[in-house]
Amino acid sequence: MLGKQISETKGKRIVRRVLSTDPPTVEVTFEDSGPVYGIPTTGMGTYTSVIAPDQSIAGSGQGIITTQDGEGISWTGTGIGKFGQAGAVSYRGMLFFKTTSQKLAHLNNASGAFEYEVDPSGATVSKVWEWK
C-alpha cells in the first residue's frame, strides 16, 4: 500500500553514455532538487538502463541527496520503463534509502515507490511515496 509522499523533485539529465550496443545499455546521470518530507534538498544520481527487443527498459541506479544543512541520504533503486514521444522516458520502480540524519532517520531501510519522468529536453520529475 502506498503511504505518505516522501518527495517530489525536479531536475535535469546531465550526461548520457552508451555502455554497450548488445544489448543496448545506456548510463544516465541527473541532478535535481526538491523537498524530502518537506526538507529542501539537492541530489544527484546515476542509473543504467538496458533496452529489451520489445523496447521496454530495465534500469537500476544509485544516488545521494543532501539537505541544506549538509545531512546526507543515499539511495539505490530499480525500475522498469518505456519510451514516450520524441525521446521522453517514463519509469516506475522502488528506491531504498539509508541516512545518518536524525531528522530523516525514518528513511533508514525504507522502501519508496517512485515515478520518474524525463521529457524530450532532458527535464526530470521524480515523485516518491512510502511503500507500507
Protein backbone atom coordinates (compact mmCIF):
# COMPACT_ATOMS: atom_id res chain seq x y z
CA MET A 1 0.00 0.00 0.00
CA LEU A 2 1.27 3.47 -0.81
CA GLY A 3 1.64 5.83 2.12
CA LYS A 4 2.72 9.43 2.56
CA GLN A 5 4.60 11.15 -0.26
CA ILE A 6 8.32 11.24 0.55
CA SER A 7 9.48 13.66 -2.12
CA GLU A 8 8.88 15.47 -5.38
CA THR A 9 11.98 16.69 -7.15
CA LYS A 10 12.68 18.38 -10.45
CA GLY A 11 15.93 18.41 -12.32
CA LYS A 12 17.87 17.81 -15.48
CA ARG A 13 19.59 14.90 -17.19
CA ILE A 14 23.22 15.99 -17.44
CA VAL A 15 25.08 13.04 -19.02
CA ARG A 16 24.18 10.10 -21.22
CA ARG A 17 26.71 7.45 -22.16
CA VAL A 18 26.37 4.28 -24.25
CA LEU A 19 27.91 1.33 -22.40
CA SER A 20 27.00 -1.39 -24.89
CA THR A 21 25.10 -1.98 -28.10
CA ASP A 22 24.44 -5.68 -27.47
CA PRO A 23 22.19 -5.42 -25.57
CA PRO A 24 21.66 -1.66 -25.86
CA THR A 25 22.76 -0.27 -22.48
CA VAL A 26 22.87 3.40 -21.51
CA GLU A 27 24.14 5.14 -18.38
CA VAL A 28 22.41 8.38 -17.36
CA THR A 29 23.37 10.93 -14.69
CA PHE A 30 20.97 13.59 -13.42
CA GLU A 31 20.81 16.37 -10.83
CA ASP A 32 17.63 17.51 -9.10
CA SER A 33 16.22 19.41 -6.15
CA GLY A 34 13.07 19.49 -4.07
CA PRO A 35 11.70 18.63 -0.65
CA VAL A 36 12.13 15.29 1.13
CA TYR A 37 9.46 15.18 3.84
CA GLY A 38 9.30 18.97 3.49
CA ILE A 39 13.06 19.50 3.95
CA PRO A 40 14.76 21.26 0.99
CA THR A 41 17.35 19.03 -0.71
CA THR A 42 19.57 18.72 -3.76
CA GLY A 43 20.53 15.40 -5.25
CA MET A 44 22.27 13.53 -7.99
CA GLY A 45 22.07 10.01 -9.28
CA THR A 46 23.24 7.66 -11.97
CA TYR A 47 21.29 4.79 -13.45
CA THR A 48 21.94 2.16 -16.08
CA SER A 49 19.19 1.15 -18.48
CA VAL A 50 19.08 -1.96 -20.65
CA ILE A 51 16.71 -1.77 -23.62
CA ALA A 52 14.94 -5.04 -24.47
CA PRO A 53 13.99 -6.08 -28.03
CA ASP A 54 10.38 -5.05 -27.29
CA GLN A 55 11.68 -1.54 -26.37
CA SER A 56 10.89 -1.95 -22.69
CA ILE A 57 13.62 -0.69 -20.35
CA ALA A 58 15.06 -2.28 -17.19
CA GLY A 59 17.03 0.10 -15.00
CA SER A 60 18.98 0.22 -11.77
CA GLY A 61 20.75 3.10 -10.09
CA GLN A 62 22.11 4.85 -7.07
CA GLY A 63 22.39 8.37 -5.78
CA ILE A 64 22.85 10.82 -2.97
CA ILE A 65 20.66 13.57 -1.56
CA THR A 66 21.92 16.43 0.61
CA THR A 67 19.89 18.69 2.88
CA GLN A 68 20.67 22.40 3.12
CA ASP A 69 22.41 21.82 6.44
CA GLY A 70 24.68 19.13 4.98
CA GLU A 71 22.99 15.92 6.04
CA GLY A 72 23.05 13.10 3.53
CA ILE A 73 20.76 10.38 2.26
CA SER A 74 21.86 7.63 -0.09
CA TRP A 75 19.56 5.54 -2.25
CA THR A 76 19.65 2.55 -4.54
CA GLY A 77 16.82 1.55 -6.81
CA THR A 78 15.46 -0.47 -9.65
CA GLY A 79 12.62 0.04 -12.08
CA ILE A 80 11.05 -0.61 -15.43
CA GLY A 81 10.44 1.96 -18.12
CA LYS A 82 9.14 2.77 -21.54
CA PHE A 83 9.84 5.31 -24.23
CA GLY A 84 7.43 8.13 -24.98
CA GLN A 85 7.16 10.55 -27.86
CA ALA A 86 10.24 12.39 -29.14
CA GLY A 87 12.62 10.65 -26.74
CA ALA A 88 10.71 11.03 -23.48
CA VAL A 89 11.16 8.21 -20.95
CA SER A 90 8.91 7.08 -18.10
CA TYR A 91 9.95 4.76 -15.23
CA ARG A 92 8.21 3.11 -12.28
CA GLY A 93 10.04 1.26 -9.53
CA MET A 94 11.38 1.10 -5.99
CA LEU A 95 14.03 3.05 -4.08
CA PHE A 96 15.76 2.01 -0.85
CA PHE A 97 17.21 4.66 1.48
CA LYS A 98 19.93 5.00 4.12
CA THR A 99 20.88 8.08 6.18
CA THR A 100 22.69 9.18 9.31
CA SER A 101 20.38 12.22 9.57
CA GLN A 102 18.39 12.27 12.80
CA LYS A 103 15.66 14.36 11.14
CA LEU A 104 15.25 11.78 8.39
CA ALA A 105 16.13 8.61 10.32
CA HIS A 106 12.75 7.06 9.47
CA LEU A 107 14.09 6.71 5.89
CA ASN A 108 16.62 4.10 7.03
CA ASN A 109 15.84 0.85 5.25
CA ALA A 110 12.58 2.34 3.98
CA SER A 111 11.16 1.49 0.57
CA GLY A 112 9.82 4.16 -1.73
CA ALA A 113 7.65 3.56 -4.79
CA PHE A 114 8.66 6.04 -7.48
CA GLU A 115 7.51 7.63 -10.73
CA TYR A 116 10.31 9.19 -12.78
CA GLU A 117 9.66 11.15 -15.96
CA VAL A 118 12.19 12.57 -18.41
CA ASP A 119 10.88 14.86 -21.15
CA PRO A 120 12.49 15.15 -24.61
CA SER A 121 14.63 18.10 -23.47
CA GLY A 122 16.05 16.14 -20.50
CA ALA A 123 13.99 17.79 -17.75
CA THR A 124 13.17 15.32 -14.95
CA VAL A 125 10.37 14.97 -12.41
CA SER A 126 10.52 12.36 -9.68
CA LYS A 127 7.80 11.52 -7.16
CA VAL A 128 8.33 9.02 -4.34
CA TRP A 129 5.80 7.56 -1.86
CA GLU A 130 6.30 5.35 1.17
CA TRP A 131 5.65 1.67 0.49
CA LYS A 132 3.96 0.17 3.53
